[in-house]
Amino acid sequence: MAPTVLKGKNYALLVGGIVGFIALACYPIIVHPMLHPEEYKKVQQINRSGIKQEEIQPGNMRVWSDPFKPREDIKR
């Protein structure tokens, strides 16, 4: 039996379906957390309560707080 060759509309539907499936799979992983960071900040506060970062931080590394906040120890 010869393989079926997709042409025109059927090929576009196949490619569009694959791209749509990948986009749909990425939404809850990438897009939703970027659009709703408040929910994830609340969950992190609950999960990290009782943990002192200073005690578990590897040597000579500053404790992570906000990646967009400038460091105080760097003089510009």
PDB file of N, CA and C in Angstrom:
ATOM      1  N   MET A   1       0.841  -1.179   0.000  1.00  0.00           N
ATOM      2  CA  MET A   1       0.000   0.000   0.000  1.00  0.00           C
ATOM      3  C   MET A   1       0.888   1.245   0.000  1.00  0.00           C
ATOM      4  N   ALA A   2       0.599   2.191  -0.840  1.00  0.00           N
ATOM      5  CA  ALA A   2       1.398   3.411  -0.974  1.00  0.00           C
ATOM      6  C   ALA A   2       1.053   4.399   0.137  1.00  0.00           C
ATOM      7  N   PRO A   3       2.063   5.143   0.646  1.00  0.00           N
ATOM      8  CA  PRO A   3       1.781   6.144   1.690  1.00  0.00           C
ATOM      9  C   PRO A   3       0.949   7.304   1.130  1.00  0.00           C
ATOM     10  N   THR A   4       0.132   7.891   1.999  1.00  0.00           N
ATOM     11  CA  THR A   4      -0.708   9.019   1.613  1.00  0.00           C
ATOM     12  C   THR A   4       0.096  10.306   1.681  1.00  0.00           C
ATOM     13  N   VAL A   5       0.029  11.106   0.642  1.00  0.00           N
ATOM     14  CA  VAL A   5       0.722  12.382   0.599  1.00  0.00           C
ATOM     15  C   VAL A   5      -0.297  13.486   0.860  1.00  0.00           C
ATOM     16  N   LEU A   6      -0.037  14.283   1.886  1.00  0.00           N
ATOM     17  CA  LEU A   6      -0.944  15.383   2.214  1.00  0.00           C
ATOM     18  C   LEU A   6      -0.580  16.605   1.387  1.00  0.00           C
ATOM     19  N   LYS A   7      -1.587  17.219   0.802  1.00  0.00           N
ATOM     20  CA  LYS A   7      -1.348  18.411  -0.006  1.00  0.00           C
ATOM     21  C   LYS A   7      -2.388  19.460   0.343  1.00  0.00           C
ATOM     22  N   GLY A   8      -2.013  20.708   0.179  1.00  0.00           N
ATOM     23  CA  GLY A   8      -2.953  21.820   0.312  1.00  0.00           C
ATOM     24  C   GLY A   8      -3.569  21.942   1.688  1.00  0.00           C
ATOM     25  N   LYS A   9      -4.899  21.915   1.732  1.00  0.00           N
ATOM     26  CA  LYS A   9      -5.656  22.155   2.961  1.00  0.00           C
ATOM     27  C   LYS A   9      -5.360  21.100   4.029  1.00  0.00           C
ATOM     28  N   ASN A  10      -5.249  19.850   3.635  1.00  0.00           N
ATOM     29  CA  ASN A  10      -4.989  18.782   4.605  1.00  0.00           C
ATOM     30  C   ASN A  10      -3.614  18.939   5.252  1.00  0.00           C
ATOM     31  N   TYR A  11      -2.627  19.334   4.490  1.00  0.00           N
ATOM     32  CA  TYR A  11      -1.287  19.563   5.031  1.00  0.00           C
ATOM     33  C   TYR A  11      -1.306  20.741   6.006  1.00  0.00           C
ATOM     34  N   ALA A  12      -2.010  21.803   5.631  1.00  0.00           N
ATOM     35  CA  ALA A  12      -2.111  22.975   6.500  1.00  0.00           C
ATOM     36  C   ALA A  12      -2.818  22.620   7.800  1.00  0.00           C
ATOM     37  N   LEU A  13      -3.861  21.795   7.734  1.00  0.00           N
ATOM     38  CA  LEU A  13      -4.560  21.367   8.946  1.00  0.00           C
ATOM     39  C   LEU A  13      -3.659  20.521   9.841  1.00  0.00           C
ATOM     40  N   LEU A  14      -2.862  19.657   9.257  1.00  0.00           N
ATOM     41  CA  LEU A  14      -1.949  18.829  10.050  1.00  0.00           C
ATOM     42  C   LEU A  14      -0.909  19.696  10.760  1.00  0.00           C
ATOM     43  N   VAL A  15      -0.263  20.580  10.018  1.00  0.00           N
ATOM     44  CA  VAL A  15       0.767  21.447  10.609  1.00  0.00           C
ATOM     45  C   VAL A  15       0.138  22.378  11.651  1.00  0.00           C
ATOM     46  N   GLY A  16      -1.024  22.955  11.317  1.00  0.00           N
ATOM     47  CA  GLY A  16      -1.714  23.829  12.276  1.00  0.00           C
ATOM     48  C   GLY A  16      -2.123  23.092  13.533  1.00  0.00           C
ATOM     49  N   GLY A  17      -2.532  21.832  13.388  1.00  0.00           N
ATOM     50  CA  GLY A  17      -2.892  21.031  14.553  1.00  0.00           C
ATOM     51  C   GLY A  17      -1.706  20.749  15.452  1.00  0.00           C
ATOM     52  N   ILE A  18      -0.566  20.458  14.854  1.00  0.00           N
ATOM     53  CA  ILE A  18       0.644  20.198  15.642  1.00  0.00           C
ATOM     54  C   ILE A  18       1.079  21.461  16.382  1.00  0.00           C
ATOM     55  N   VAL A  19       1.096  22.585  15.682  1.00  0.00           N
ATOM     56  CA  VAL A  19       1.485  23.855  16.312  1.00  0.00           C
ATOM     57  C   VAL A  19       0.478  24.234  17.405  1.00  0.00           C
ATOM     58  N   GLY A  20      -0.797  24.047  17.143  1.00  0.00           N
ATOM     59  CA  GLY A  20      -1.827  24.346  18.141  1.00  0.00           C
ATOM     60  C   GLY A  20      -1.698  23.470  19.371  1.00  0.00           C
ATOM     61  N   PHE A  21      -1.386  22.190  19.177  1.00  0.00           N
ATOM     62  CA  PHE A  21      -1.206  21.285  20.307  1.00  0.00           C
ATOM     63  C   PHE A  21      -0.032  21.719  21.176  1.00  0.00           C
ATOM     64  N   ILE A  22       1.068  22.102  20.553  1.00  0.00           N
ATOM     65  CA  ILE A  22       2.240  22.565  21.307  1.00  0.00           C
ATOM     66  C   ILE A  22       1.914  23.853  22.064  1.00  0.00           C
ATOM     67  N   ALA A  23       1.208  24.787  21.418  1.00  0.00           N
ATOM     68  CA  ALA A  23       0.821  26.032  22.083  1.00  0.00           C
ATOM     69  C   ALA A  23      -0.113  25.759  23.249  1.00  0.00           C
ATOM     70  N   LEU A  24      -1.048  24.843  23.063  1.00  0.00           N
ATOM     71  CA  LEU A  24      -1.982  24.498  24.131  1.00  0.00           C
ATOM     72  C   LEU A  24      -1.252  23.857  25.311  1.00  0.00           C
ATOM     73  N   ALA A  25      -0.249  23.051  25.034  1.00  0.00           N
ATOM     74  CA  ALA A  25       0.528  22.418  26.100  1.00  0.00           C
ATOM     75  C   ALA A  25       1.393  23.435  26.838  1.00  0.00           C
ATOM     76  N   CYS A  26       1.859  24.480  26.147  1.00  0.00           N
ATOM     77  CA  CYS A  26       2.720  25.485  26.766  1.00  0.00           C
ATOM     78  C   CYS A  26       1.948  26.500  27.605  1.00  0.00           C
ATOM     79  N   TYR A  27       0.668  26.666  27.355  1.00  0.00           N
ATOM     80  CA  TYR A  27      -0.092  27.705  28.049  1.00  0.00           C
ATOM     81  C   TYR A  27      -0.032  27.555  29.573  1.00  0.00           C
ATOM     82  N   PRO A  28      -0.385  26.392  30.159  1.00  0.00           N
ATOM     83  CA  PRO A  28      -0.366  26.329  31.627  1.00  0.00           C
ATOM     84  C   PRO A  28       1.034  26.358  32.223  1.00  0.00           C
ATOM     85  N   ILE A  29       2.043  26.072  31.413  1.00  0.00           N
ATOM     86  CA  ILE A  29       3.412  26.019  31.920  1.00  0.00           C
ATOM     87  C   ILE A  29       4.096  27.376  31.830  1.00  0.00           C
ATOM     88  N   ILE A  30       3.857  28.111  30.751  1.00  0.00           N
ATOM     89  CA  ILE A  30       4.595  29.350  30.485  1.00  0.00           C
ATOM     90  C   ILE A  30       3.710  30.586  30.583  1.00  0.00           C
ATOM     91  N   VAL A  31       2.607  30.596  29.870  1.00  0.00           N
ATOM     92  CA  VAL A  31       1.805  31.815  29.713  1.00  0.00           C
ATOM     93  C   VAL A  31       1.036  32.164  30.980  1.00  0.00           C
ATOM     94  N   HIS A  32       0.335  31.202  31.566  1.00  0.00           N
ATOM     95  CA  HIS A  32      -0.494  31.500  32.744  1.00  0.00           C
ATOM     96  C   HIS A  32       0.322  32.041  33.917  1.00  0.00           C
ATOM     97  N   PRO A  33       1.471  31.436  34.277  1.00  0.00           N
ATOM     98  CA  PRO A  33       2.261  32.014  35.373  1.00  0.00           C
ATOM     99  C   PRO A  33       2.767  33.427  35.081  1.00  0.00           C
ATOM    100  N   MET A  34       3.040  33.736  33.812  1.00  0.00           N
ATOM    101  CA  MET A  34       3.510  35.081  33.475  1.00  0.00           C
ATOM    102  C   MET A  34       2.387  36.110  33.588  1.00  0.00           C
ATOM    103  N   LEU A  35       1.159  35.706  33.306  1.00  0.00           N
ATOM    104  CA  LEU A  35       0.026  36.630  33.360  1.00  0.00           C
ATOM    105  C   LEU A  35      -0.546  36.769  34.766  1.00  0.00           C
ATOM    106  N   HIS A  36      -0.351  35.776  35.635  1.00  0.00           N
ATOM    107  CA  HIS A  36      -0.926  35.777  36.977  1.00  0.00           C
ATOM    108  C   HIS A  36       0.139  35.448  38.026  1.00  0.00           C
ATOM    109  N   PRO A  37       1.139  36.312  38.221  1.00  0.00           N
ATOM    110  CA  PRO A  37       2.216  35.978  39.170  1.00  0.00           C
ATOM    111  C   PRO A  37       1.772  36.023  40.631  1.00  0.00           C
ATOM    112  N   GLU A  38       0.669  36.723  40.933  1.00  0.00           N
ATOM    113  CA  GLU A  38       0.231  36.838  42.329  1.00  0.00           C
ATOM    114  C   GLU A  38      -0.084  35.465  42.926  1.00  0.00           C
ATOM    115  N   GLU A  39      -0.752  34.619  42.152  1.00  0.00           N
ATOM    116  CA  GLU A  39      -1.111  33.286  42.636  1.00  0.00           C
ATOM    117  C   GLU A  39       0.141  32.499  43.020  1.00  0.00           C
ATOM    118  N   TYR A  40       1.154  32.559  42.190  1.00  0.00           N
ATOM    119  CA  TYR A  40       2.351  31.770  42.414  1.00  0.00           C
ATOM    120  C   TYR A  40       3.196  32.352  43.547  1.00  0.00           C
ATOM    121  N   LYS A  41       3.150  33.664  43.739  1.00  0.00           N
ATOM    122  CA  LYS A  41       3.852  34.276  44.868  1.00  0.00           C
ATOM    123  C   LYS A  41       3.221  33.833  46.185  1.00  0.00           C
ATOM    124  N   LYS A  42       1.877  33.739  46.227  1.00  0.00           N
ATOM    125  CA  LYS A  42       1.189  33.275  47.436  1.00  0.00           C
ATOM    126  C   LYS A  42       1.551  31.827  47.742  1.00  0.00           C
ATOM    127  N   VAL A  43       1.580  30.989  46.720  1.00  0.00           N
ATOM    128  CA  VAL A  43       1.928  29.578  46.911  1.00  0.00           C
ATOM    129  C   VAL A  43       3.364  29.458  47.411  1.00  0.00           C
ATOM    130  N   GLN A  44       4.285  30.267  46.873  1.00  0.00           N
ATOM    131  CA  GLN A  44       5.674  30.222  47.326  1.00  0.00           C
ATOM    132  C   GLN A  44       5.795  30.667  48.776  1.00  0.00           C
ATOM    133  N   GLN A  45       5.036  31.677  49.167  1.00  0.00           N
ATOM    134  CA  GLN A  45       5.084  32.123  50.567  1.00  0.00           C
ATOM    135  C   GLN A  45       4.644  31.008  51.500  1.00  0.00           C
ATOM    136  N   ILE A  46       3.590  30.293  51.128  1.00  0.00           N
ATOM    137  CA  ILE A  46       3.101  29.193  51.969  1.00  0.00           C
ATOM    138  C   ILE A  46       4.126  28.066  52.008  1.00  0.00           C
ATOM    139  N   ASN A  47       4.659  27.691  50.861  1.00  0.00           N
ATOM    140  CA  ASN A  47       5.605  26.570  50.803  1.00  0.00           C
ATOM    141  C   ASN A  47       6.935  26.878  51.472  1.00  0.00           C
ATOM    142  N   ARG A  48       7.354  28.134  51.463  1.00  0.00           N
ATOM    143  CA  ARG A  48       8.659  28.495  52.017  1.00  0.00           C
ATOM    144  C   ARG A  48       8.584  29.042  53.434  1.00  0.00           C
ATOM    145  N   SER A  49       7.399  29.031  54.045  1.00  0.00           N
ATOM    146  CA  SER A  49       7.302  29.529  55.419  1.00  0.00           C
ATOM    147  C   SER A  49       8.081  28.592  56.342  1.00  0.00           C
ATOM    148  N   GLY A  50       8.818  29.176  57.242  1.00  0.00           N
ATOM    149  CA  GLY A  50       9.618  28.392  58.179  1.00  0.00           C
ATOM    150  C   GLY A  50      11.006  28.051  57.670  1.00  0.00           C
ATOM    151  N   ILE A  51      11.349  28.450  56.462  1.00  0.00           N
ATOM    152  CA  ILE A  51      12.673  28.175  55.904  1.00  0.00           C
ATOM    153  C   ILE A  51      13.478  29.465  55.936  1.00  0.00           C
ATOM    154  N   LYS A  52      14.640  29.427  56.544  1.00  0.00           N
ATOM    155  CA  LYS A  52      15.519  30.593  56.570  1.00  0.00           C
ATOM    156  C   LYS A  52      16.540  30.440  55.453  1.00  0.00           C
ATOM    157  N   GLN A  53      16.436  31.290  54.447  1.00  0.00           N
ATOM    158  CA  GLN A  53      17.311  31.168  53.281  1.00  0.00           C
ATOM    159  C   GLN A  53      18.778  31.346  53.633  1.00  0.00           C
ATOM    160  N   GLU A  54      19.074  32.174  54.610  1.00  0.00           N
ATOM    161  CA  GLU A  54      20.463  32.417  54.982  1.00  0.00           C
ATOM    162  C   GLU A  54      21.143  31.142  55.467  1.00  0.00           C
ATOM    163  N   GLU A  55      20.386  30.241  56.082  1.00  0.00           N
ATOM    164  CA  GLU A  55      20.966  29.017  56.623  1.00  0.00           C
ATOM    165  C   GLU A  55      21.203  27.955  55.549  1.00  0.00           C
ATOM    166  N   ILE A  56      20.432  27.969  54.455  1.00  0.00           N
ATOM    167  CA  ILE A  56      20.567  26.925  53.446  1.00  0.00           C
ATOM    168  C   ILE A  56      21.264  27.404  52.175  1.00  0.00           C
ATOM    169  N   GLN A  57      21.621  28.683  52.138  1.00  0.00           N
ATOM    170  CA  GLN A  57      22.261  29.252  50.952  1.00  0.00           C
ATOM    171  C   GLN A  57      23.699  28.754  50.836  1.00  0.00           C
ATOM    172  N   PRO A  58      24.140  28.307  49.646  1.00  0.00           N
ATOM    173  CA  PRO A  58      25.535  27.889  49.488  1.00  0.00           C
ATOM    174  C   PRO A  58      26.500  29.038  49.773  1.00  0.00           C
ATOM    175  N   GLY A  59      27.730  28.702  50.086  1.00  0.00           N
ATOM    176  CA  GLY A  59      28.727  29.686  50.509  1.00  0.00           C
ATOM    177  C   GLY A  59      28.974  30.812  49.529  1.00  0.00           C
ATOM    178  N   ASN A  60      29.108  32.007  50.065  1.00  0.00           N
ATOM    179  CA  ASN A  60      29.436  33.234  49.339  1.00  0.00           C
ATOM    180  C   ASN A  60      28.448  33.593  48.228  1.00  0.00           C
ATOM    181  N   MET A  61      27.230  33.144  48.342  1.00  0.00           N
ATOM    182  CA  MET A  61      26.206  33.541  47.371  1.00  0.00           C
ATOM    183  C   MET A  61      25.145  34.350  48.111  1.00  0.00           C
ATOM    184  N   ARG A  62      24.715  35.413  47.477  1.00  0.00           N
ATOM    185  CA  ARG A  62      23.701  36.212  48.142  1.00  0.00           C
ATOM    186  C   ARG A  62      22.348  35.520  48.040  1.00  0.00           C
ATOM    187  N   VAL A  63      21.475  35.797  48.977  1.00  0.00           N
ATOM    188  CA  VAL A  63      20.154  35.201  49.016  1.00  0.00           C
ATOM    189  C   VAL A  63      19.311  35.813  47.913  1.00  0.00           C
ATOM    190  N   TRP A  64      18.654  34.972  47.137  1.00  0.00           N
ATOM    191  CA  TRP A  64      17.838  35.455  46.030  1.00  0.00           C
ATOM    192  C   TRP A  64      16.606  36.151  46.575  1.00  0.00           C
ATOM    193  N   SER A  65      16.308  37.327  46.028  1.00  0.00           N
ATOM    194  CA  SER A  65      15.104  38.028  46.445  1.00  0.00           C
ATOM    195  C   SER A  65      14.329  38.481  45.223  1.00  0.00           C
ATOM    196  N   ASP A  66      14.858  39.428  44.492  1.00  0.00           N
ATOM    197  CA  ASP A  66      14.185  39.959  43.314  1.00  0.00           C
ATOM    198  C   ASP A  66      15.229  40.106  42.212  1.00  0.00           C
ATOM    199  N   PRO A  67      15.061  39.437  41.089  1.00  0.00           N
ATOM    200  CA  PRO A  67      16.093  39.488  40.057  1.00  0.00           C
ATOM    201  C   PRO A  67      16.229  40.852  39.403  1.00  0.00           C
ATOM    202  N   PHE A  68      15.234  41.709  39.544  1.00  0.00           N
ATOM    203  CA  PHE A  68      15.284  43.019  38.908  1.00  0.00           C
ATOM    204  C   PHE A  68      15.778  44.114  39.851  1.00  0.00           C
ATOM    205  N   LYS A  69      15.963  43.770  41.103  1.00  0.00           N
ATOM    206  CA  LYS A  69      16.449  44.739  42.077  1.00  0.00           C
ATOM    207  C   LYS A  69      17.971  44.848  41.953  1.00  0.00           C
ATOM    208  N   PRO A  70      18.505  46.072  41.855  1.00  0.00           N
ATOM    209  CA  PRO A  70      19.958  46.202  41.743  1.00  0.00           C
ATOM    210  C   PRO A  70      20.650  45.795  43.043  1.00  0.00           C
ATOM    211  N   ARG A  71      21.851  45.230  42.896  1.00  0.00           N
ATOM    212  CA  ARG A  71      22.612  44.826  44.064  1.00  0.00           C
ATOM    213  C   ARG A  71      23.187  46.047  44.765  1.00  0.00           C
ATOM    214  N   GLU A  72      23.159  46.019  46.084  1.00  0.00           N
ATOM    215  CA  GLU A  72      23.701  47.138  46.858  1.00  0.00           C
ATOM    216  C   GLU A  72      25.205  47.095  46.951  1.00  0.00           C
ATOM    217  N   ASP A  73      25.801  45.884  46.863  1.00  0.00           N
ATOM    218  CA  ASP A  73      27.231  45.766  47.059  1.00  0.00           C
ATOM    219  C   ASP A  73      28.038  46.110  45.800  1.00  0.00           C
ATOM    220  N   ILE A  74      27.376  46.344  44.673  1.00  0.00           N
ATOM    221  CA  ILE A  74      28.071  46.730  43.439  1.00  0.00           C
ATOM    222  C   ILE A  74      27.996  48.236  43.307  1.00  0.00           C
ATOM    223  N   LYS A  75      29.158  48.875  43.215  1.00  0.00           N
ATOM    224  CA  LYS A  75      29.189  50.327  43.083  1.00  0.00           C
ATOM    225  C   LYS A  75      29.236  50.682  41.619  1.00  0.00           C
ATOM    226  N   ARG A  76      28.363  51.568  41.208  1.00  0.00           N
ATOM    227  CA  ARG A  76      28.317  51.970  39.803  1.00  0.00           C
ATOM    228  C   ARG A  76      28.813  53.372  39.618  1.00  0.00           C
TER     229      ARG A  76
END
